[in-house]
């Protein structure tokens, strides 16, 4: 379950708008990540480097917006199952309309499930 209680108030408001607009567009999303501790971030950073798996982040603890309550990640709910296959461009545009930065627009490390505020 995503830790949403430690999101900064500005992001909490934008997240509520984002969820409302996704629902209006008939897109079911699940918030998979919110706040992350530095230790949790370092575990993710180790994936694909010192631990088996695929690299999922370029940010160490203290370098991610998640560590400061300024980011969340999503996936889609399709046929009652979590999925990373879905209308990314559409949800990205919804997020941007809500004033969020969408990781799907990044060029160095494209992160479609990621949304954040400055």
Protein backbone atom coordinates (compact mmCIF):
# COMPACT_ATOMS: atom_id res chain seq x y z
CA UNK A 1 0.00 0.00 0.00
CA UNK A 2 1.37 3.39 -0.95
CA UNK A 3 2.32 5.76 1.88
CA UNK A 4 0.27 8.83 0.99
CA UNK A 5 0.02 10.34 4.48
CA UNK A 6 3.48 11.91 4.16
CA UNK A 7 2.88 13.69 0.85
CA UNK A 8 3.28 17.47 0.92
CA UNK A 9 -0.11 19.26 0.92
CA UNK A 10 0.36 20.68 -2.59
CA UNK A 11 0.88 17.19 -4.01
CA UNK A 12 -2.05 15.75 -2.06
CA UNK A 13 -4.36 18.29 -3.74
CA UNK A 14 -2.97 17.59 -7.21
CA UNK A 15 -3.22 13.82 -6.59
CA UNK A 16 -6.91 14.20 -5.71
CA UNK A 17 -7.47 16.17 -8.94
CA UNK A 18 -5.52 13.54 -10.91
CA UNK A 19 -7.58 10.68 -9.47
CA UNK A 20 -10.84 12.56 -10.14
CA UNK A 21 -9.85 13.27 -13.74
CA UNK A 22 -8.70 9.69 -14.38
CA UNK A 23 -12.04 8.44 -13.06
CA UNK A 24 -13.89 10.90 -15.31
CA UNK A 25 -11.86 9.55 -18.27
CA UNK A 26 -12.82 6.00 -17.23
CA UNK A 27 -9.21 5.07 -16.48
CA UNK A 28 -8.73 3.06 -13.29
CA UNK A 29 -5.37 3.74 -11.63
CA UNK A 30 -3.76 2.48 -8.45
CA UNK A 31 -1.27 4.59 -6.52
CA UNK A 32 1.60 2.16 -6.00
CA UNK A 33 4.14 4.42 -4.31
CA UNK A 34 4.09 7.68 -2.43
CA UNK A 35 6.58 8.67 0.25
CA UNK A 36 9.72 6.49 0.46
CA UNK A 37 12.36 6.53 3.17
CA UNK A 38 16.02 6.90 2.19
CA UNK A 39 16.52 3.22 3.10
CA UNK A 40 13.64 2.12 0.85
CA UNK A 41 15.06 4.24 -1.95
CA UNK A 42 18.49 2.65 -1.55
CA UNK A 43 16.94 -0.82 -1.83
CA UNK A 44 15.36 0.20 -5.15
CA UNK A 45 18.62 1.79 -6.31
CA UNK A 46 20.46 -1.50 -5.66
CA UNK A 47 18.19 -3.40 -8.10
CA UNK A 48 20.09 -4.20 -11.26
CA UNK A 49 23.32 -3.02 -9.67
CA UNK A 50 24.29 -5.02 -6.58
CA UNK A 51 21.04 -7.04 -6.41
CA UNK A 52 19.50 -9.12 -9.20
CA UNK A 53 16.80 -7.39 -11.20
CA UNK A 54 16.18 -4.58 -13.60
CA UNK A 55 17.28 -1.02 -12.85
CA UNK A 56 14.17 0.87 -11.76
CA UNK A 57 15.68 4.18 -10.59
CA UNK A 58 18.76 6.34 -10.95
CA UNK A 59 18.14 8.03 -7.60
CA UNK A 60 19.82 7.00 -4.36
CA UNK A 61 18.27 7.77 -0.97
CA UNK A 62 17.95 11.54 -0.62
CA UNK A 63 17.94 12.09 -4.40
CA UNK A 64 14.34 11.11 -5.16
CA UNK A 65 11.28 13.33 -4.89
CA UNK A 66 9.60 10.35 -3.19
CA UNK A 67 11.96 10.86 -0.22
CA UNK A 68 10.46 14.28 0.41
CA UNK A 69 6.78 13.47 -0.16
CA UNK A 70 6.77 15.18 -3.56
CA UNK A 71 6.08 12.20 -5.87
CA UNK A 72 3.82 9.23 -6.47
CA UNK A 73 3.78 6.29 -8.88
CA UNK A 74 0.81 4.56 -10.46
CA UNK A 75 -0.24 1.50 -12.39
CA UNK A 76 -3.52 0.63 -14.07
CA UNK A 77 -6.30 -1.57 -12.73
CA UNK A 78 -7.47 -3.72 -15.64
CA UNK A 79 -9.90 -6.57 -15.07
CA UNK A 80 -9.27 -6.23 -11.32
CA UNK A 81 -5.51 -6.77 -11.79
CA UNK A 82 -2.60 -4.34 -11.53
CA UNK A 83 -1.00 -3.67 -14.90
CA UNK A 84 1.72 -1.48 -16.34
CA UNK A 85 0.13 -1.78 -19.78
CA UNK A 86 -2.35 1.00 -20.41
CA UNK A 87 -2.98 4.46 -21.83
CA UNK A 88 0.20 6.14 -20.58
CA UNK A 89 0.01 9.17 -22.87
CA UNK A 90 -3.54 9.83 -21.72
CA UNK A 91 -2.76 9.63 -17.99
CA UNK A 92 0.43 11.61 -18.55
CA UNK A 93 -1.62 14.39 -20.15
CA UNK A 94 -4.13 14.24 -17.28
CA UNK A 95 -1.30 14.58 -14.76
CA UNK A 96 0.23 17.51 -16.61
CA UNK A 97 -3.18 19.20 -16.78
CA UNK A 98 -3.29 18.88 -12.98
CA UNK A 99 0.07 20.67 -12.72
CA UNK A 100 2.23 17.57 -12.24
CA UNK A 101 5.54 16.70 -13.85
CA UNK A 102 5.23 13.37 -15.66
CA UNK A 103 8.23 11.03 -15.75
CA UNK A 104 7.07 9.78 -19.16
CA UNK A 105 8.45 13.00 -20.68
CA UNK A 106 11.92 12.54 -19.25
CA UNK A 107 14.66 11.70 -21.75
CA UNK A 108 17.47 10.24 -19.61
CA UNK A 109 15.32 7.81 -17.64
CA UNK A 110 11.75 7.54 -18.91
CA UNK A 111 9.53 6.69 -15.92
CA UNK A 112 5.92 6.54 -17.11
CA UNK A 113 4.39 5.54 -13.74
CA UNK A 114 5.99 8.59 -11.99
CA UNK A 115 4.38 11.96 -11.22
CA UNK A 116 5.84 14.73 -9.07
CA UNK A 117 5.73 18.40 -8.16
CA UNK A 118 8.67 20.81 -8.14
